[in-house]
Amino acid sequence: MHISDIPFGITDWSGVERTEHPGETGMAYWQTRQFGAIRVRMVDYSPGYLADHWCSKGHILLCLEGELESELADGRKFILTPGISYQVADHAEAHRSYTRGGAKLFIVD
């Protein structure tokens, strides 16, 4: 990744607008900042959230709270708990998220 044309700055996430994104079940709440081509998000998934699509976008994702199950299209499943992250490239492996009890994530894509 090449990061350019972004001056030093801080983000106070308490002041970033929160938008709603319904899943197949449950809701995702995004707080999003855009820095050139790089999107940075704080995401809260409600209990019972299941993504409504298979995602092929690349991400670097860190679980901050709760427990997240990431399922790959080939059937593999990975559990993320606080302090565990994953990374995947664009169009590498389709994936989707599920959480039974809710989760909070930090995502860069």
PDB file of N, CA and C in Angstrom:
ATOM      1  N   MET A   1       0.845  -1.170   0.000  1.00  0.00           N
ATOM      2  CA  MET A   1       0.000   0.000   0.000  1.00  0.00           C
ATOM      3  C   MET A   1       0.892   1.235   0.000  1.00  0.00           C
ATOM      4  N   HIS A   2       0.523   2.184  -0.800  1.00  0.00           N
ATOM      5  CA  HIS A   2       1.227   3.463  -0.830  1.00  0.00           C
ATOM      6  C   HIS A   2       0.268   4.527  -0.303  1.00  0.00           C
ATOM      7  N   ILE A   3       0.630   5.143   0.804  1.00  0.00           N
ATOM      8  CA  ILE A   3      -0.196   6.201   1.388  1.00  0.00           C
ATOM      9  C   ILE A   3       0.468   7.529   1.080  1.00  0.00           C
ATOM     10  N   SER A   4      -0.274   8.408   0.413  1.00  0.00           N
ATOM     11  CA  SER A   4       0.301   9.715   0.076  1.00  0.00           C
ATOM     12  C   SER A   4      -0.760  10.800   0.212  1.00  0.00           C
ATOM     13  N   ASP A   5      -0.278  12.034   0.311  1.00  0.00           N
ATOM     14  CA  ASP A   5      -1.133  13.225   0.338  1.00  0.00           C
ATOM     15  C   ASP A   5      -2.139  13.231   1.485  1.00  0.00           C
ATOM     16  N   ILE A   6      -1.746  12.672   2.629  1.00  0.00           N
ATOM     17  CA  ILE A   6      -2.584  12.740   3.824  1.00  0.00           C
ATOM     18  C   ILE A   6      -1.736  13.368   4.925  1.00  0.00           C
ATOM     19  N   PRO A   7      -2.027  14.597   5.292  1.00  0.00           N
ATOM     20  CA  PRO A   7      -1.252  15.221   6.363  1.00  0.00           C
ATOM     21  C   PRO A   7      -1.572  14.556   7.700  1.00  0.00           C
ATOM     22  N   PHE A   8      -0.686  14.734   8.664  1.00  0.00           N
ATOM     23  CA  PHE A   8      -0.920  14.197   9.997  1.00  0.00           C
ATOM     24  C   PHE A   8      -2.220  14.750  10.549  1.00  0.00           C
ATOM     25  N   GLY A   9      -2.995  13.903  11.168  1.00  0.00           N
ATOM     26  CA  GLY A   9      -4.241  14.341  11.774  1.00  0.00           C
ATOM     27  C   GLY A   9      -4.715  13.307  12.774  1.00  0.00           C
ATOM     28  N   ILE A  10      -5.676  13.682  13.574  1.00  0.00           N
ATOM     29  CA  ILE A  10      -6.273  12.759  14.529  1.00  0.00           C
ATOM     30  C   ILE A  10      -7.772  12.679  14.234  1.00  0.00           C
ATOM     31  N   THR A  11      -8.393  11.607  14.680  1.00  0.00           N
ATOM     32  CA  THR A  11      -9.832  11.450  14.537  1.00  0.00           C
ATOM     33  C   THR A  11     -10.435  11.217  15.911  1.00  0.00           C
ATOM     34  N   ASP A  12     -11.346  12.079  16.302  1.00  0.00           N
ATOM     35  CA  ASP A  12     -12.142  11.880  17.503  1.00  0.00           C
ATOM     36  C   ASP A  12     -13.422  11.200  17.030  1.00  0.00           C
ATOM     37  N   TRP A  13     -13.468   9.880  17.186  1.00  0.00           N
ATOM     38  CA  TRP A  13     -14.570   9.088  16.652  1.00  0.00           C
ATOM     39  C   TRP A  13     -15.910   9.471  17.274  1.00  0.00           C
ATOM     40  N   SER A  14     -15.908  10.082  18.454  1.00  0.00           N
ATOM     41  CA  SER A  14     -17.173  10.470  19.078  1.00  0.00           C
ATOM     42  C   SER A  14     -17.888  11.547  18.264  1.00  0.00           C
ATOM     43  N   GLY A  15     -17.171  12.241  17.398  1.00  0.00           N
ATOM     44  CA  GLY A  15     -17.776  13.290  16.589  1.00  0.00           C
ATOM     45  C   GLY A  15     -18.039  12.896  15.145  1.00  0.00           C
ATOM     46  N   VAL A  16     -17.796  11.635  14.788  1.00  0.00           N
ATOM     47  CA  VAL A  16     -17.984  11.185  13.403  1.00  0.00           C
ATOM     48  C   VAL A  16     -19.404  10.631  13.256  1.00  0.00           C
ATOM     49  N   GLU A  17     -20.117  11.111  12.247  1.00  0.00           N
ATOM     50  CA  GLU A  17     -21.492  10.688  11.999  1.00  0.00           C
ATOM     51  C   GLU A  17     -21.598   9.169  11.900  1.00  0.00           C
ATOM     52  N   ARG A  18     -22.684   8.645  12.432  1.00  0.00           N
ATOM     53  CA  ARG A  18     -22.945   7.206  12.437  1.00  0.00           C
ATOM     54  C   ARG A  18     -24.062   6.916  11.438  1.00  0.00           C
ATOM     55  N   THR A  19     -23.808   5.992  10.495  1.00  0.00           N
ATOM     56  CA  THR A  19     -24.806   5.635   9.491  1.00  0.00           C
ATOM     57  C   THR A  19     -25.218   4.181   9.680  1.00  0.00           C
ATOM     58  N   GLU A  20     -26.458   3.865   9.291  1.00  0.00           N
ATOM     59  CA  GLU A  20     -27.007   2.527   9.460  1.00  0.00           C
ATOM     60  C   GLU A  20     -26.935   1.746   8.155  1.00  0.00           C
ATOM     61  N   HIS A  21     -26.560   0.461   8.269  1.00  0.00           N
ATOM     62  CA  HIS A  21     -26.464  -0.425   7.114  1.00  0.00           C
ATOM     63  C   HIS A  21     -27.063  -1.771   7.507  1.00  0.00           C
ATOM     64  N   PRO A  22     -28.292  -2.059   7.040  1.00  0.00           N
ATOM     65  CA  PRO A  22     -28.925  -3.309   7.441  1.00  0.00           C
ATOM     66  C   PRO A  22     -28.223  -4.517   6.834  1.00  0.00           C
ATOM     67  N   GLY A  23     -28.161  -5.591   7.615  1.00  0.00           N
ATOM     68  CA  GLY A  23     -27.650  -6.859   7.122  1.00  0.00           C
ATOM     69  C   GLY A  23     -28.809  -7.744   6.719  1.00  0.00           C
ATOM     70  N   GLU A  24     -28.495  -8.992   6.389  1.00  0.00           N
ATOM     71  CA  GLU A  24     -29.556  -9.964   6.167  1.00  0.00           C
ATOM     72  C   GLU A  24     -30.379 -10.077   7.451  1.00  0.00           C
ATOM     73  N   THR A  25     -29.664 -10.071   8.574  1.00  0.00           N
ATOM     74  CA  THR A  25     -30.276  -9.921   9.887  1.00  0.00           C
ATOM     75  C   THR A  25     -29.430  -8.920  10.651  1.00  0.00           C
ATOM     76  N   GLY A  26     -30.029  -8.184  11.552  1.00  0.00           N
ATOM     77  CA  GLY A  26     -29.288  -7.227  12.364  1.00  0.00           C
ATOM     78  C   GLY A  26     -28.888  -5.980  11.594  1.00  0.00           C
ATOM     79  N   MET A  27     -28.094  -5.152  12.259  1.00  0.00           N
ATOM     80  CA  MET A  27     -27.715  -3.856  11.711  1.00  0.00           C
ATOM     81  C   MET A  27     -26.230  -3.595  11.929  1.00  0.00           C
ATOM     82  N   ALA A  28     -25.612  -2.933  10.958  1.00  0.00           N
ATOM     83  CA  ALA A  28     -24.238  -2.442  11.089  1.00  0.00           C
ATOM     84  C   ALA A  28     -24.303  -0.926  11.187  1.00  0.00           C
ATOM     85  N   TYR A  29     -23.541  -0.379  12.112  1.00  0.00           N
ATOM     86  CA  TYR A  29     -23.462   1.076  12.295  1.00  0.00           C
ATOM     87  C   TYR A  29     -22.035   1.495  11.973  1.00  0.00           C
ATOM     88  N   TRP A  30     -21.872   2.303  10.939  1.00  0.00           N
ATOM     89  CA  TRP A  30     -20.547   2.730  10.481  1.00  0.00           C
ATOM     90  C   TRP A  30     -20.291   4.176  10.876  1.00  0.00           C
ATOM     91  N   GLN A  31     -19.057   4.424  11.293  1.00  0.00           N
ATOM     92  CA  GLN A  31     -18.519   5.775  11.372  1.00  0.00           C
ATOM     93  C   GLN A  31     -17.348   5.764  10.401  1.00  0.00           C
ATOM     94  N   THR A  32     -17.386   6.637   9.408  1.00  0.00           N
ATOM     95  CA  THR A  32     -16.458   6.539   8.281  1.00  0.00           C
ATOM     96  C   THR A  32     -15.691   7.829   8.075  1.00  0.00           C
ATOM     97  N   ARG A  33     -14.403   7.685   7.851  1.00  0.00           N
ATOM     98  CA  ARG A  33     -13.545   8.790   7.402  1.00  0.00           C
ATOM     99  C   ARG A  33     -12.896   8.344   6.096  1.00  0.00           C
ATOM    100  N   GLN A  34     -12.790   9.259   5.149  1.00  0.00           N
ATOM    101  CA  GLN A  34     -12.173   8.969   3.858  1.00  0.00           C
ATOM    102  C   GLN A  34     -10.911   9.807   3.733  1.00  0.00           C
ATOM    103  N   PHE A  35      -9.805   9.166   3.441  1.00  0.00           N
ATOM    104  CA  PHE A  35      -8.518   9.841   3.263  1.00  0.00           C
ATOM    105  C   PHE A  35      -8.004   9.467   1.883  1.00  0.00           C
ATOM    106  N   GLY A  36      -8.319  10.293   0.873  1.00  0.00           N
ATOM    107  CA  GLY A  36      -7.958   9.929  -0.496  1.00  0.00           C
ATOM    108  C   GLY A  36      -8.664   8.631  -0.857  1.00  0.00           C
ATOM    109  N   ALA A  37      -7.908   7.632  -1.308  1.00  0.00           N
ATOM    110  CA  ALA A  37      -8.487   6.344  -1.697  1.00  0.00           C
ATOM    111  C   ALA A  37      -8.670   5.400  -0.510  1.00  0.00           C
ATOM    112  N   ILE A  38      -8.273   5.828   0.689  1.00  0.00           N
ATOM    113  CA  ILE A  38      -8.320   4.951   1.865  1.00  0.00           C
ATOM    114  C   ILE A  38      -9.529   5.297   2.726  1.00  0.00           C
ATOM    115  N   ARG A  39     -10.347   4.278   2.962  1.00  0.00           N
ATOM    116  CA  ARG A  39     -11.508   4.434   3.841  1.00  0.00           C
ATOM    117  C   ARG A  39     -11.164   3.814   5.190  1.00  0.00           C
ATOM    118  N   VAL A  40     -11.450   4.545   6.265  1.00  0.00           N
ATOM    119  CA  VAL A  40     -11.196   4.081   7.632  1.00  0.00           C
ATOM    120  C   VAL A  40     -12.534   4.119   8.360  1.00  0.00           C
ATOM    121  N   ARG A  41     -12.877   2.987   9.014  1.00  0.00           N
ATOM    122  CA  ARG A  41     -14.198   2.906   9.653  1.00  0.00           C
ATOM    123  C   ARG A  41     -14.112   2.313  11.054  1.00  0.00           C
ATOM    124  N   MET A  42     -14.995   2.787  11.894  1.00  0.00           N
ATOM    125  CA  MET A  42     -15.318   2.158  13.158  1.00  0.00           C
ATOM    126  C   MET A  42     -16.704   1.568  12.911  1.00  0.00           C
ATOM    127  N   VAL A  43     -16.841   0.265  13.097  1.00  0.00           N
ATOM    128  CA  VAL A  43     -18.098  -0.413  12.779  1.00  0.00           C
ATOM    129  C   VAL A  43     -18.596  -1.167  13.998  1.00  0.00           C
ATOM    130  N   ASP A  44     -19.871  -0.960  14.324  1.00  0.00           N
ATOM    131  CA  ASP A  44     -20.546  -1.716  15.386  1.00  0.00           C
ATOM    132  C   ASP A  44     -21.580  -2.615  14.729  1.00  0.00           C
ATOM    133  N   TYR A  45     -21.513  -3.908  15.015  1.00  0.00           N
ATOM    134  CA  TYR A  45     -22.530  -4.850  14.552  1.00  0.00           C
ATOM    135  C   TYR A  45     -23.454  -5.160  15.719  1.00  0.00           C
ATOM    136  N   SER A  46     -24.751  -5.119  15.466  1.00  0.00           N
ATOM    137  CA  SER A  46     -25.726  -5.471  16.494  1.00  0.00           C
ATOM    138  C   SER A  46     -25.697  -6.979  16.724  1.00  0.00           C
ATOM    139  N   PRO A  47     -26.181  -7.433  17.882  1.00  0.00           N
ATOM    140  CA  PRO A  47     -26.307  -8.875  18.081  1.00  0.00           C
ATOM    141  C   PRO A  47     -27.139  -9.503  16.959  1.00  0.00           C
ATOM    142  N   GLY A  48     -26.698 -10.645  16.471  1.00  0.00           N
ATOM    143  CA  GLY A  48     -27.405 -11.352  15.414  1.00  0.00           C
ATOM    144  C   GLY A  48     -27.137 -10.842  14.015  1.00  0.00           C
ATOM    145  N   TYR A  49     -26.170  -9.930  13.853  1.00  0.00           N
ATOM    146  CA  TYR A  49     -25.875  -9.387  12.519  1.00  0.00           C
ATOM    147  C   TYR A  49     -25.301 -10.466  11.608  1.00  0.00           C
ATOM    148  N   LEU A  50     -25.841 -10.544  10.383  1.00  0.00           N
ATOM    149  CA  LEU A  50     -25.294 -11.368   9.301  1.00  0.00           C
ATOM    150  C   LEU A  50     -25.264 -10.499   8.058  1.00  0.00           C
ATOM    151  N   ALA A  51     -24.095 -10.391   7.444  1.00  0.00           N
ATOM    152  CA  ALA A  51     -23.952  -9.573   6.238  1.00  0.00           C
ATOM    153  C   ALA A  51     -24.929 -10.056   5.164  1.00  0.00           C
ATOM    154  N   ASP A  52     -25.417  -9.120   4.373  1.00  0.00           N
ATOM    155  CA  ASP A  52     -26.381  -9.450   3.323  1.00  0.00           C
ATOM    156  C   ASP A  52     -25.713  -9.741   1.982  1.00  0.00           C
ATOM    157  N   HIS A  53     -24.388  -9.887   1.971  1.00  0.00           N
ATOM    158  CA  HIS A  53     -23.668 -10.141   0.726  1.00  0.00           C
ATOM    159  C   HIS A  53     -22.311 -10.785   1.032  1.00  0.00           C
ATOM    160  N   TRP A  54     -21.739 -11.396   0.009  1.00  0.00           N
ATOM    161  CA  TRP A  54     -20.348 -11.870   0.076  1.00  0.00           C
ATOM    162  C   TRP A  54     -19.486 -10.718  -0.413  1.00  0.00           C
ATOM    163  N   CYS A  55     -18.505 -10.331   0.363  1.00  0.00           N
ATOM    164  CA  CYS A  55     -17.667  -9.165   0.060  1.00  0.00           C
ATOM    165  C   CYS A  55     -16.366  -9.626  -0.587  1.00  0.00           C
ATOM    166  N   SER A  56     -15.970  -8.953  -1.659  1.00  0.00           N
ATOM    167  CA  SER A  56     -14.683  -9.267  -2.290  1.00  0.00           C
ATOM    168  C   SER A  56     -13.706  -8.104  -2.184  1.00  0.00           C
ATOM    169  N   LYS A  57     -14.077  -7.087  -1.389  1.00  0.00           N
ATOM    170  CA  LYS A  57     -13.201  -5.934  -1.153  1.00  0.00           C
ATOM    171  C   LYS A  57     -12.099  -6.315  -0.174  1.00  0.00           C
ATOM    172  N   GLY A  58     -10.915  -5.806  -0.376  1.00  0.00           N
ATOM    173  CA  GLY A  58      -9.826  -6.025   0.564  1.00  0.00           C
ATOM    174  C   GLY A  58      -9.994  -5.179   1.811  1.00  0.00           C
ATOM    175  N   HIS A  59      -9.583  -5.723   2.944  1.00  0.00           N
ATOM    176  CA  HIS A  59      -9.681  -5.013   4.218  1.00  0.00           C
ATOM    177  C   HIS A  59      -8.518  -5.395   5.112  1.00  0.00           C
ATOM    178  N   ILE A  60      -8.243  -4.520   6.052  1.00  0.00           N
ATOM    179  CA  ILE A  60      -7.504  -4.867   7.256  1.00  0.00           C
ATOM    180  C   ILE A  60      -8.488  -4.559   8.381  1.00  0.00           C
ATOM    181  N   LEU A  61      -8.800  -5.564   9.175  1.00  0.00           N
ATOM    182  CA  LEU A  61      -9.864  -5.462  10.158  1.00  0.00           C
ATOM    183  C   LEU A  61      -9.342  -5.904  11.515  1.00  0.00           C
ATOM    184  N   LEU A  62      -9.616  -5.109  12.543  1.00  0.00           N
ATOM    185  CA  LEU A  62      -9.230  -5.418  13.917  1.00  0.00           C
ATOM    186  C   LEU A  62     -10.485  -5.470  14.777  1.00  0.00           C
ATOM    187  N   CYS A  63     -10.662  -6.575  15.496  1.00  0.00           N
ATOM    188  CA  CYS A  63     -11.788  -6.701  16.426  1.00  0.00           C
ATOM    189  C   CYS A  63     -11.424  -5.976  17.720  1.00  0.00           C
ATOM    190  N   LEU A  64     -12.267  -5.036  18.120  1.00  0.00           N
ATOM    191  CA  LEU A  64     -12.048  -4.264  19.348  1.00  0.00           C
ATOM    192  C   LEU A  64     -12.863  -4.789  20.517  1.00  0.00           C
ATOM    193  N   GLU A  65     -14.087  -5.230  20.231  1.00  0.00           N
ATOM    194  CA  GLU A  65     -15.000  -5.722  21.271  1.00  0.00           C
ATOM    195  C   GLU A  65     -15.862  -6.827  20.689  1.00  0.00           C
ATOM    196  N   GLY A  66     -16.306  -7.735  21.537  1.00  0.00           N
ATOM    197  CA  GLY A  66     -17.230  -8.781  21.117  1.00  0.00           C
ATOM    198  C   GLY A  66     -16.532  -9.913  20.394  1.00  0.00           C
ATOM    199  N   GLU A  67     -17.313 -10.607  19.576  1.00  0.00           N
ATOM    200  CA  GLU A  67     -16.795 -11.751  18.822  1.00  0.00           C
ATOM    201  C   GLU A  67     -17.392 -11.723  17.425  1.00  0.00           C
ATOM    202  N   LEU A  68     -16.544 -11.864  16.419  1.00  0.00           N
ATOM    203  CA  LEU A  68     -16.949 -11.816  15.020  1.00  0.00           C
ATOM    204  C   LEU A  68     -16.562 -13.123  14.350  1.00  0.00           C
ATOM    205  N   GLU A  69     -17.495 -13.697  13.603  1.00  0.00           N
ATOM    206  CA  GLU A  69     -17.190 -14.860  12.782  1.00  0.00           C
ATOM    207  C   GLU A  69     -17.066 -14.395  11.341  1.00  0.00           C
ATOM    208  N   SER A  70     -15.900 -14.641  10.740  1.00  0.00           N
ATOM    209  CA  SER A  70     -15.704 -14.337   9.326  1.00  0.00           C
ATOM    210  C   SER A  70     -15.733 -15.650   8.566  1.00  0.00           C
ATOM    211  N   GLU A  71     -16.695 -15.757   7.656  1.00  0.00           N
ATOM    212  CA  GLU A  71     -16.834 -16.965   6.851  1.00  0.00           C
ATOM    213  C   GLU A  71     -16.344 -16.678   5.443  1.00  0.00           C
ATOM    214  N   LEU A  72     -15.539 -17.570   4.892  1.00  0.00           N
ATOM    215  CA  LEU A  72     -15.091 -17.447   3.512  1.00  0.00           C
ATOM    216  C   LEU A  72     -16.032 -18.247   2.622  1.00  0.00           C
ATOM    217  N   ALA A  73     -16.108 -17.879   1.345  1.00  0.00           N
ATOM    218  CA  ALA A  73     -17.021 -18.532   0.410  1.00  0.00           C
ATOM    219  C   ALA A  73     -16.723 -20.025   0.268  1.00  0.00           C
ATOM    220  N   ASP A  74     -15.498 -20.431   0.568  1.00  0.00           N
ATOM    221  CA  ASP A  74     -15.154 -21.857   0.470  1.00  0.00           C
ATOM    222  C   ASP A  74     -15.553 -22.645   1.718  1.00  0.00           C
ATOM    223  N   GLY A  75     -16.199 -21.962   2.677  1.00  0.00           N
ATOM    224  CA  GLY A  75     -16.705 -22.638   3.864  1.00  0.00           C
ATOM    225  C   GLY A  75     -15.854 -22.499   5.108  1.00  0.00           C
ATOM    226  N   ARG A  76     -14.608 -22.040   4.976  1.00  0.00           N
ATOM    227  CA  ARG A  76     -13.782 -21.847   6.171  1.00  0.00           C
ATOM    228  C   ARG A  76     -14.356 -20.728   7.024  1.00  0.00           C
ATOM    229  N   LYS A  77     -14.222 -20.887   8.349  1.00  0.00           N
ATOM    230  CA  LYS A  77     -14.706 -19.877   9.292  1.00  0.00           C
ATOM    231  C   LYS A  77     -13.595 -19.536  10.275  1.00  0.00           C
ATOM    232  N   PHE A  78     -13.523 -18.264  10.621  1.00  0.00           N
ATOM    233  CA  PHE A  78     -12.515 -17.759  11.544  1.00  0.00           C
ATOM    234  C   PHE A  78     -13.215 -16.908  12.599  1.00  0.00           C
ATOM    235  N   ILE A  79     -12.837 -17.090  13.851  1.00  0.00           N
ATOM    236  CA  ILE A  79     -13.417 -16.324  14.952  1.00  0.00           C
ATOM    237  C   ILE A  79     -12.425 -15.242  15.370  1.00  0.00           C
ATOM    238  N   LEU A  80     -12.897 -14.003  15.397  1.00  0.00           N
ATOM    239  CA  LEU A  80     -12.085 -12.884  15.874  1.00  0.00           C
ATOM    240  C   LEU A  80     -12.647 -12.406  17.202  1.00  0.00           C
ATOM    241  N   THR A  81     -11.773 -12.225  18.163  1.00  0.00           N
ATOM    242  CA  THR A  81     -12.105 -11.668  19.460  1.00  0.00           C
ATOM    243  C   THR A  81     -11.219 -10.442  19.657  1.00  0.00           C
ATOM    244  N   PRO A  82     -11.440  -9.652  20.694  1.00  0.00           N
ATOM    245  CA  PRO A  82     -10.654  -8.431  20.853  1.00  0.00           C
ATOM    246  C   PRO A  82      -9.147  -8.672  20.763  1.00  0.00           C
ATOM    247  N   GLY A  83      -8.514  -7.871  19.910  1.00  0.00           N
ATOM    248  CA  GLY A  83      -7.070  -7.970  19.709  1.00  0.00           C
ATOM    249  C   GLY A  83      -6.676  -8.835  18.527  1.00  0.00           C
ATOM    250  N   ILE A  84      -7.624  -9.500  17.884  1.00  0.00           N
ATOM    251  CA  ILE A  84      -7.326 -10.336  16.715  1.00  0.00           C
ATOM    252  C   ILE A  84      -7.770  -9.592  15.464  1.00  0.00           C
ATOM    253  N   SER A  85      -6.955  -9.672  14.423  1.00  0.00           N
ATOM    254  CA  SER A  85      -7.251  -8.985  13.166  1.00  0.00           C
ATOM    255  C   SER A  85      -7.190  -9.971  12.004  1.00  0.00           C
ATOM    256  N   TYR A  86      -7.684  -9.527  10.855  1.00  0.00           N
ATOM    257  CA  TYR A  86      -7.444 -10.256   9.612  1.00  0.00           C
ATOM    258  C   TYR A  86      -7.131  -9.250   8.524  1.00  0.00           C
ATOM    259  N   GLN A  87      -6.537  -9.762   7.457  1.00  0.00           N
ATOM    260  CA  GLN A  87      -6.246  -8.961   6.285  1.00  0.00           C
ATOM    261  C   GLN A  87      -6.522  -9.821   5.060  1.00  0.00           C
ATOM    262  N   VAL A  88      -7.075  -9.199   4.028  1.00  0.00           N
ATOM    263  CA  VAL A  88      -7.367  -9.887   2.773  1.00  0.00           C
ATOM    264  C   VAL A  88      -7.299  -8.852   1.653  1.00  0.00           C
ATOM    265  N   ALA A  89      -6.793  -9.274   0.509  1.00  0.00           N
ATOM    266  CA  ALA A  89      -6.646  -8.383  -0.643  1.00  0.00           C
ATOM    267  C   ALA A  89      -7.964  -8.287  -1.422  1.00  0.00           C
ATOM    268  N   ASP A  90      -8.085  -7.242  -2.228  1.00  0.00           N
ATOM    269  CA  ASP A  90      -9.223  -7.116  -3.132  1.00  0.00           C
ATOM    270  C   ASP A  90      -9.321  -8.366  -4.001  1.00  0.00           C
ATOM    271  N   HIS A  91     -10.516  -8.904  -4.135  1.00  0.00           N
ATOM    272  CA  HIS A  91     -10.829 -10.038  -5.011  1.00  0.00           C
ATOM    273  C   HIS A  91     -10.040 -11.309  -4.697  1.00  0.00           C
ATOM    274  N   ALA A  92      -9.495 -11.416  -3.478  1.00  0.00           N
ATOM    275  CA  ALA A  92      -8.712 -12.603  -3.116  1.00  0.00           C
ATOM    276  C   ALA A  92      -9.620 -13.739  -2.653  1.00  0.00           C
ATOM    277  N   GLU A  93     -10.445 -13.496  -1.652  1.00  0.00           N
ATOM    278  CA  GLU A  93     -11.329 -14.518  -1.113  1.00  0.00           C
ATOM    279  C   GLU A  93     -12.592 -13.844  -0.588  1.00  0.00           C
ATOM    280  N   ALA A  94     -13.720 -14.180  -1.197  1.00  0.00           N
ATOM    281  CA  ALA A  94     -14.990 -13.600  -0.766  1.00  0.00           C
ATOM    282  C   ALA A  94     -15.266 -14.011   0.681  1.00  0.00           C
ATOM    283  N   HIS A  95     -15.814 -13.075   1.435  1.00  0.00           N
ATOM    284  CA  HIS A  95     -16.031 -13.297   2.860  1.00  0.00           C
ATOM    285  C   HIS A  95     -17.286 -12.547   3.305  1.00  0.00           C
ATOM    286  N   ARG A  96     -17.824 -12.982   4.452  1.00  0.00           N
ATOM    287  CA  ARG A  96     -18.948 -12.266   5.058  1.00  0.00           C
ATOM    288  C   ARG A  96     -18.855 -12.409   6.565  1.00  0.00           C
ATOM    289  N   SER A  97     -19.528 -11.498   7.259  1.00  0.00           N
ATOM    290  CA  SER A  97     -19.421 -11.409   8.713  1.00  0.00           C
ATOM    291  C   SER A  97     -20.722 -11.814   9.392  1.00  0.00           C
ATOM    292  N   TYR A  98     -20.546 -12.429  10.558  1.00  0.00           N
ATOM    293  CA  TYR A  98     -21.667 -12.786  11.420  1.00  0.00           C
ATOM    294  C   TYR A  98     -21.227 -12.581  12.867  1.00  0.00           C
ATOM    295  N   THR A  99     -22.145 -12.097  13.694  1.00  0.00           N
ATOM    296  CA  THR A  99     -21.884 -12.027  15.126  1.00  0.00           C
ATOM    297  C   THR A  99     -23.147 -12.376  15.885  1.00  0.00           C
ATOM    298  N   ARG A 100     -22.993 -13.274  16.825  1.00  0.00           N
ATOM    299  CA  ARG A 100     -24.132 -13.675  17.654  1.00  0.00           C
ATOM    300  C   ARG A 100     -24.449 -12.582  18.681  1.00  0.00           C
ATOM    301  N   GLY A 101     -23.417 -12.083  19.372  1.00  0.00           N
ATOM    302  CA  GLY A 101     -23.649 -11.160  20.479  1.00  0.00           C
ATOM    303  C   GLY A 101     -23.284  -9.718  20.208  1.00  0.00           C
ATOM    304  N   GLY A 102     -22.843  -9.393  18.983  1.00  0.00           N
ATOM    305  CA  GLY A 102     -22.420  -8.042  18.646  1.00  0.00           C
ATOM    306  C   GLY A 102     -20.903  -7.926  18.651  1.00  0.00           C
ATOM    307  N   ALA A 103     -20.400  -6.951  17.914  1.00  0.00           N
ATOM    308  CA  ALA A 103     -18.961  -6.746  17.811  1.00  0.00           C
ATOM    309  C   ALA A 103     -18.675  -5.302  17.403  1.00  0.00           C
ATOM    310  N   LYS A 104     -17.496  -4.825  17.797  1.00  0.00           N
ATOM    311  CA  LYS A 104     -17.007  -3.505  17.383  1.00  0.00           C
ATOM    312  C   LYS A 104     -15.679  -3.729  16.682  1.00  0.00           C
ATOM    313  N   LEU A 105     -15.531  -3.106  15.501  1.00  0.00           N
ATOM    314  CA  LEU A 105     -14.371  -3.336  14.640  1.00  0.00           C
ATOM    315  C   LEU A 105     -13.750  -2.012  14.203  1.00  0.00           C
ATOM    316  N   PHE A 106     -12.464  -2.073  13.887  1.00  0.00           N
ATOM    317  CA  PHE A 106     -11.762  -0.978  13.229  1.00  0.00           C
ATOM    318  C   PHE A 106     -11.312  -1.526  11.884  1.00  0.00           C
ATOM    319  N   ILE A 107     -11.705  -0.868  10.797  1.00  0.00           N
ATOM    320  CA  ILE A 107     -11.476  -1.408   9.446  1.00  0.00           C
ATOM    321  C   ILE A 107     -10.811  -0.362   8.573  1.00  0.00           C
ATOM    322  N   VAL A 108      -9.795  -0.785   7.835  1.00  0.00           N
ATOM    323  CA  VAL A 108      -9.136   0.059   6.831  1.00  0.00           C
ATOM    324  C   VAL A 108      -9.272  -0.643   5.493  1.00  0.00           C
ATOM    325  N   ASP A 109      -9.796   0.079   4.507  1.00  0.00           N
ATOM    326  CA  ASP A 109      -9.904  -0.474   3.151  1.00  0.00           C
ATOM    327  C   ASP A 109      -9.894   0.614   2.107  1.00  0.00           C
TER     328      ASP A 109
END
